[in-house]
Amino acid sequence: MRLTQILFSIGAWNYIVLGLLHIAYFSAVTLSPNRPAIVADMRETPTPLGMFGRQTDLLSLYNGFSFMMAVMLIAAGGLSILAQRIDTDFPAQSGAILVFNVVLSLVALVLSVKFFFGGPVWLFLVSFVAYLAAFVASRTNAWP
């Protein structure tokens, strides 16, 4: 099952790397001197959330969603690594997490193809293939 563990780790660490790259990317885009007009327009565009009477601007909303997405990517990868370390006979007790990660990565891949550019598409593709291969390896005796 060593190959299963390696493939699963690739998928999990890829999520963490993607989350960190996402923080770097959205920070660079938001703070880029080449985009002051767009940033200023976003800052000046009010966005009433209607929740708790709070109002914000489009830039704050964009930054909040971007940062939250990055944190969730890092958390998904981190939880997977934690599950792998807790399960001494991985994936005997963590089979559901393995299946969940295959489905999550497939959904993320499809959404990335539809809405994003090359970087996220390739990174989610790597995670999907790694998790799927880990699942297949865990179910067969073809790989040690």
C-alpha atoms as a PDB file:
ATOM      1  CA  MET A   1       0.000   0.000   0.000  1.00  0.00           C
ATOM      2  CA  ARG A   2       3.052   2.266  -0.098  1.00  0.00           C
ATOM      3  CA  LEU A   3       2.154   3.455  -3.611  1.00  0.00           C
ATOM      4  CA  THR A   4      -1.331   4.368  -2.385  1.00  0.00           C
ATOM      5  CA  GLN A   5       0.210   6.501   0.358  1.00  0.00           C
ATOM      6  CA  ILE A   6       2.590   8.245  -2.048  1.00  0.00           C
ATOM      7  CA  LEU A   7      -0.156   9.015  -4.570  1.00  0.00           C
ATOM      8  CA  PHE A   8      -2.503  10.223  -1.834  1.00  0.00           C
ATOM      9  CA  SER A   9       0.241  12.478  -0.451  1.00  0.00           C
ATOM     10  CA  ILE A  10       0.833  13.973  -3.903  1.00  0.00           C
ATOM     11  CA  GLY A  11      -2.851  14.851  -4.175  1.00  0.00           C
ATOM     12  CA  ALA A  12      -2.963  16.320  -0.664  1.00  0.00           C
ATOM     13  CA  TRP A  13       0.248  18.359  -0.886  1.00  0.00           C
ATOM     14  CA  ASN A  14      -0.886  19.630  -4.273  1.00  0.00           C
ATOM     15  CA  TYR A  15      -3.934  21.196  -2.592  1.00  0.00           C
ATOM     16  CA  ILE A  16      -1.686  22.912  -0.050  1.00  0.00           C
ATOM     17  CA  VAL A  17       0.619  24.232  -2.787  1.00  0.00           C
ATOM     18  CA  LEU A  18      -2.382  25.442  -4.787  1.00  0.00           C
ATOM     19  CA  GLY A  19      -3.739  27.281  -1.731  1.00  0.00           C
ATOM     20  CA  LEU A  20      -0.391  29.005  -1.122  1.00  0.00           C
ATOM     21  CA  LEU A  21      -0.058  29.912  -4.807  1.00  0.00           C
ATOM     22  CA  HIS A  22      -3.594  31.261  -4.726  1.00  0.00           C
ATOM     23  CA  ILE A  23      -2.696  33.628  -1.883  1.00  0.00           C
ATOM     24  CA  ALA A  24       0.366  34.797  -3.816  1.00  0.00           C
ATOM     25  CA  TYR A  25      -1.589  35.236  -7.043  1.00  0.00           C
ATOM     26  CA  PHE A  26      -4.531  37.186  -5.690  1.00  0.00           C
ATOM     27  CA  SER A  27      -2.190  39.354  -3.621  1.00  0.00           C
ATOM     28  CA  ALA A  28      -0.097  40.124  -6.698  1.00  0.00           C
ATOM     29  CA  VAL A  29      -3.156  40.903  -8.804  1.00  0.00           C
ATOM     30  CA  THR A  30      -4.737  43.102  -6.153  1.00  0.00           C
ATOM     31  CA  LEU A  31      -1.541  44.982  -5.315  1.00  0.00           C
ATOM     32  CA  SER A  32      -0.150  45.170  -8.851  1.00  0.00           C
ATOM     33  CA  PRO A  33       0.788  48.713  -9.931  1.00  0.00           C
ATOM     34  CA  ASN A  34      -0.451  47.829 -13.425  1.00  0.00           C
ATOM     35  CA  ARG A  35      -4.040  47.529 -12.210  1.00  0.00           C
ATOM     36  CA  PRO A  36      -4.727  50.623 -10.095  1.00  0.00           C
ATOM     37  CA  ALA A  37      -7.819  51.600 -12.081  1.00  0.00           C
ATOM     38  CA  ILE A  38      -9.455  48.207 -11.631  1.00  0.00           C
ATOM     39  CA  VAL A  39      -8.564  48.079  -7.936  1.00  0.00           C
ATOM     40  CA  ALA A  40      -9.866  51.612  -7.431  1.00  0.00           C
ATOM     41  CA  ASP A  41     -13.105  50.765  -9.261  1.00  0.00           C
ATOM     42  CA  MET A  42     -13.586  47.665  -7.131  1.00  0.00           C
ATOM     43  CA  ARG A  43     -12.880  49.643  -3.965  1.00  0.00           C
ATOM     44  CA  GLU A  44     -15.465  52.258  -4.974  1.00  0.00           C
ATOM     45  CA  THR A  45     -18.177  49.729  -5.883  1.00  0.00           C
ATOM     46  CA  PRO A  46     -20.430  49.164  -2.856  1.00  0.00           C
ATOM     47  CA  THR A  47     -21.676  45.644  -2.340  1.00  0.00           C
ATOM     48  CA  PRO A  48     -24.469  45.362   0.211  1.00  0.00           C
ATOM     49  CA  LEU A  49     -24.416  41.876   1.628  1.00  0.00           C
ATOM     50  CA  GLY A  50     -27.727  42.328   3.396  1.00  0.00           C
ATOM     51  CA  MET A  51     -26.505  40.168   6.248  1.00  0.00           C
ATOM     52  CA  PHE A  52     -26.185  41.718   9.683  1.00  0.00           C
ATOM     53  CA  GLY A  53     -26.567  45.128   8.035  1.00  0.00           C
ATOM     54  CA  ARG A  54     -23.007  44.969   6.778  1.00  0.00           C
ATOM     55  CA  GLN A  55     -21.892  46.771   3.664  1.00  0.00           C
ATOM     56  CA  THR A  56     -18.581  46.347   1.938  1.00  0.00           C
ATOM     57  CA  ASP A  57     -16.913  47.111  -1.360  1.00  0.00           C
ATOM     58  CA  LEU A  58     -16.267  44.743  -4.246  1.00  0.00           C
ATOM     59  CA  LEU A  59     -12.510  44.661  -3.589  1.00  0.00           C
ATOM     60  CA  SER A  60     -12.993  43.539   0.017  1.00  0.00           C
ATOM     61  CA  LEU A  61     -15.476  40.905  -1.109  1.00  0.00           C
ATOM     62  CA  TYR A  62     -13.054  39.661  -3.798  1.00  0.00           C
ATOM     63  CA  ASN A  63     -10.150  39.545  -1.355  1.00  0.00           C
ATOM     64  CA  GLY A  64     -12.253  37.809   1.287  1.00  0.00           C
ATOM     65  CA  PHE A  65     -13.476  35.112  -1.096  1.00  0.00           C
ATOM     66  CA  SER A  66      -9.992  34.636  -2.543  1.00  0.00           C
ATOM     67  CA  PHE A  67      -8.360  34.325   0.861  1.00  0.00           C
ATOM     68  CA  MET A  68     -11.103  31.990   2.098  1.00  0.00           C
ATOM     69  CA  MET A  69     -10.673  29.796  -0.995  1.00  0.00           C
ATOM     70  CA  ALA A  70      -6.931  29.590  -0.363  1.00  0.00           C
ATOM     71  CA  VAL A  71      -7.458  28.688   3.296  1.00  0.00           C
ATOM     72  CA  MET A  72      -9.968  25.979   2.362  1.00  0.00           C
ATOM     73  CA  LEU A  73      -7.561  24.482  -0.188  1.00  0.00           C
ATOM     74  CA  ILE A  74      -4.811  24.379   2.430  1.00  0.00           C
ATOM     75  CA  ALA A  75      -7.240  22.884   4.967  1.00  0.00           C
ATOM     76  CA  ALA A  76      -8.416  20.176   2.540  1.00  0.00           C
ATOM     77  CA  GLY A  77      -4.841  19.131   1.881  1.00  0.00           C
ATOM     78  CA  GLY A  78      -3.895  19.345   5.542  1.00  0.00           C
ATOM     79  CA  LEU A  79      -6.864  17.277   6.695  1.00  0.00           C
ATOM     80  CA  SER A  80      -6.020  14.620   4.129  1.00  0.00           C
ATOM     81  CA  ILE A  81      -2.433  14.435   5.351  1.00  0.00           C
ATOM     82  CA  LEU A  82      -3.670  14.275   8.937  1.00  0.00           C
ATOM     83  CA  ALA A  83      -6.095  11.457   8.101  1.00  0.00           C
ATOM     84  CA  GLN A  84      -3.297   9.559   6.418  1.00  0.00           C
ATOM     85  CA  ARG A  85      -1.046   9.916   9.461  1.00  0.00           C
ATOM     86  CA  ILE A  86      -3.770   8.918  11.932  1.00  0.00           C
ATOM     87  CA  ASP A  87      -4.707   5.770   9.981  1.00  0.00           C
ATOM     88  CA  THR A  88      -1.752   3.453  10.622  1.00  0.00           C
ATOM     89  CA  ASP A  89      -3.054   0.992   8.025  1.00  0.00           C
ATOM     90  CA  PHE A  90      -3.948   3.639   5.460  1.00  0.00           C
ATOM     91  CA  PRO A  91      -6.395   3.543   3.694  1.00  0.00           C
ATOM     92  CA  ALA A  92      -8.097   0.790   5.680  1.00  0.00           C
ATOM     93  CA  GLN A  93      -9.896   3.258   7.955  1.00  0.00           C
ATOM     94  CA  SER A  94      -9.780   6.225   5.560  1.00  0.00           C
ATOM     95  CA  GLY A  95     -11.339   4.742   2.440  1.00  0.00           C
ATOM     96  CA  ALA A  96     -14.204   7.230   2.533  1.00  0.00           C
ATOM     97  CA  ILE A  97     -11.750  10.123   2.604  1.00  0.00           C
ATOM     98  CA  LEU A  98     -10.014   8.690  -0.433  1.00  0.00           C
ATOM     99  CA  VAL A  99     -13.307   8.493  -2.346  1.00  0.00           C
ATOM    100  CA  PHE A 100     -14.293  11.968  -1.150  1.00  0.00           C
ATOM    101  CA  ASN A 101     -10.984  13.391  -2.414  1.00  0.00           C
ATOM    102  CA  VAL A 102     -11.447  11.779  -5.836  1.00  0.00           C
ATOM    103  CA  VAL A 103     -14.905  13.369  -6.145  1.00  0.00           C
ATOM    104  CA  LEU A 104     -13.759  16.725  -4.722  1.00  0.00           C
ATOM    105  CA  SER A 105     -10.831  16.880  -7.130  1.00  0.00           C
ATOM    106  CA  LEU A 106     -13.023  15.992 -10.092  1.00  0.00           C
ATOM    107  CA  VAL A 107     -15.518  18.738  -9.223  1.00  0.00           C
ATOM    108  CA  ALA A 108     -12.655  21.218  -8.700  1.00  0.00           C
ATOM    109  CA  LEU A 109     -11.130  20.187 -12.035  1.00  0.00           C
ATOM    110  CA  VAL A 110     -14.403  20.672 -13.927  1.00  0.00           C
ATOM    111  CA  LEU A 111     -14.990  24.075 -12.313  1.00  0.00           C
ATOM    112  CA  SER A 112     -11.400  25.107 -13.041  1.00  0.00           C
ATOM    113  CA  VAL A 113     -11.741  24.190 -16.710  1.00  0.00           C
ATOM    114  CA  LYS A 114     -14.938  26.230 -16.917  1.00  0.00           C
ATOM    115  CA  PHE A 115     -13.909  29.325 -14.941  1.00  0.00           C
ATOM    116  CA  PHE A 116     -10.126  29.564 -14.519  1.00  0.00           C
ATOM    117  CA  PHE A 117      -6.892  29.476 -16.469  1.00  0.00           C
ATOM    118  CA  GLY A 118      -4.127  26.904 -16.953  1.00  0.00           C
ATOM    119  CA  GLY A 119      -2.466  26.897 -13.528  1.00  0.00           C
ATOM    120  CA  PRO A 120      -5.421  25.748 -11.411  1.00  0.00           C
ATOM    121  CA  VAL A 121      -6.569  23.374 -14.162  1.00  0.00           C
ATOM    122  CA  TRP A 122      -3.232  21.560 -14.232  1.00  0.00           C
ATOM    123  CA  LEU A 123      -2.884  21.475 -10.459  1.00  0.00           C
ATOM    124  CA  PHE A 124      -6.395  20.094  -9.942  1.00  0.00           C
ATOM    125  CA  LEU A 125      -5.746  17.592 -12.738  1.00  0.00           C
ATOM    126  CA  VAL A 126      -2.641  16.372 -10.888  1.00  0.00           C
ATOM    127  CA  SER A 127      -4.638  16.013  -7.653  1.00  0.00           C
ATOM    128  CA  PHE A 128      -7.483  14.204  -9.396  1.00  0.00           C
ATOM    129  CA  VAL A 129      -5.166  11.753 -11.160  1.00  0.00           C
ATOM    130  CA  ALA A 130      -3.147  11.168  -7.968  1.00  0.00           C
ATOM    131  CA  TYR A 131      -6.237  10.536  -5.834  1.00  0.00           C
ATOM    132  CA  LEU A 132      -7.854   8.341  -8.506  1.00  0.00           C
ATOM    133  CA  ALA A 133      -4.661   6.300  -8.926  1.00  0.00           C
ATOM    134  CA  ALA A 134      -4.400   5.984  -5.120  1.00  0.00           C
ATOM    135  CA  PHE A 135      -7.982   4.703  -5.046  1.00  0.00           C
ATOM    136  CA  VAL A 136      -7.301   2.149  -7.788  1.00  0.00           C
ATOM    137  CA  ALA A 137      -4.058   1.092  -6.100  1.00  0.00           C
ATOM    138  CA  SER A 138      -5.855   0.629  -2.784  1.00  0.00           C
ATOM    139  CA  ARG A 139      -8.458  -1.629  -4.380  1.00  0.00           C
ATOM    140  CA  THR A 140      -6.131  -3.850  -6.392  1.00  0.00           C
ATOM    141  CA  ASN A 141      -3.141  -5.974  -5.642  1.00  0.00           C
ATOM    142  CA  ALA A 142      -1.482  -4.873  -8.867  1.00  0.00           C
ATOM    143  CA  TRP A 143       0.652  -2.295  -7.060  1.00  0.00           C
ATOM    144  CA  PRO A 144       2.482  -2.828  -3.775  1.00  0.00           C
END
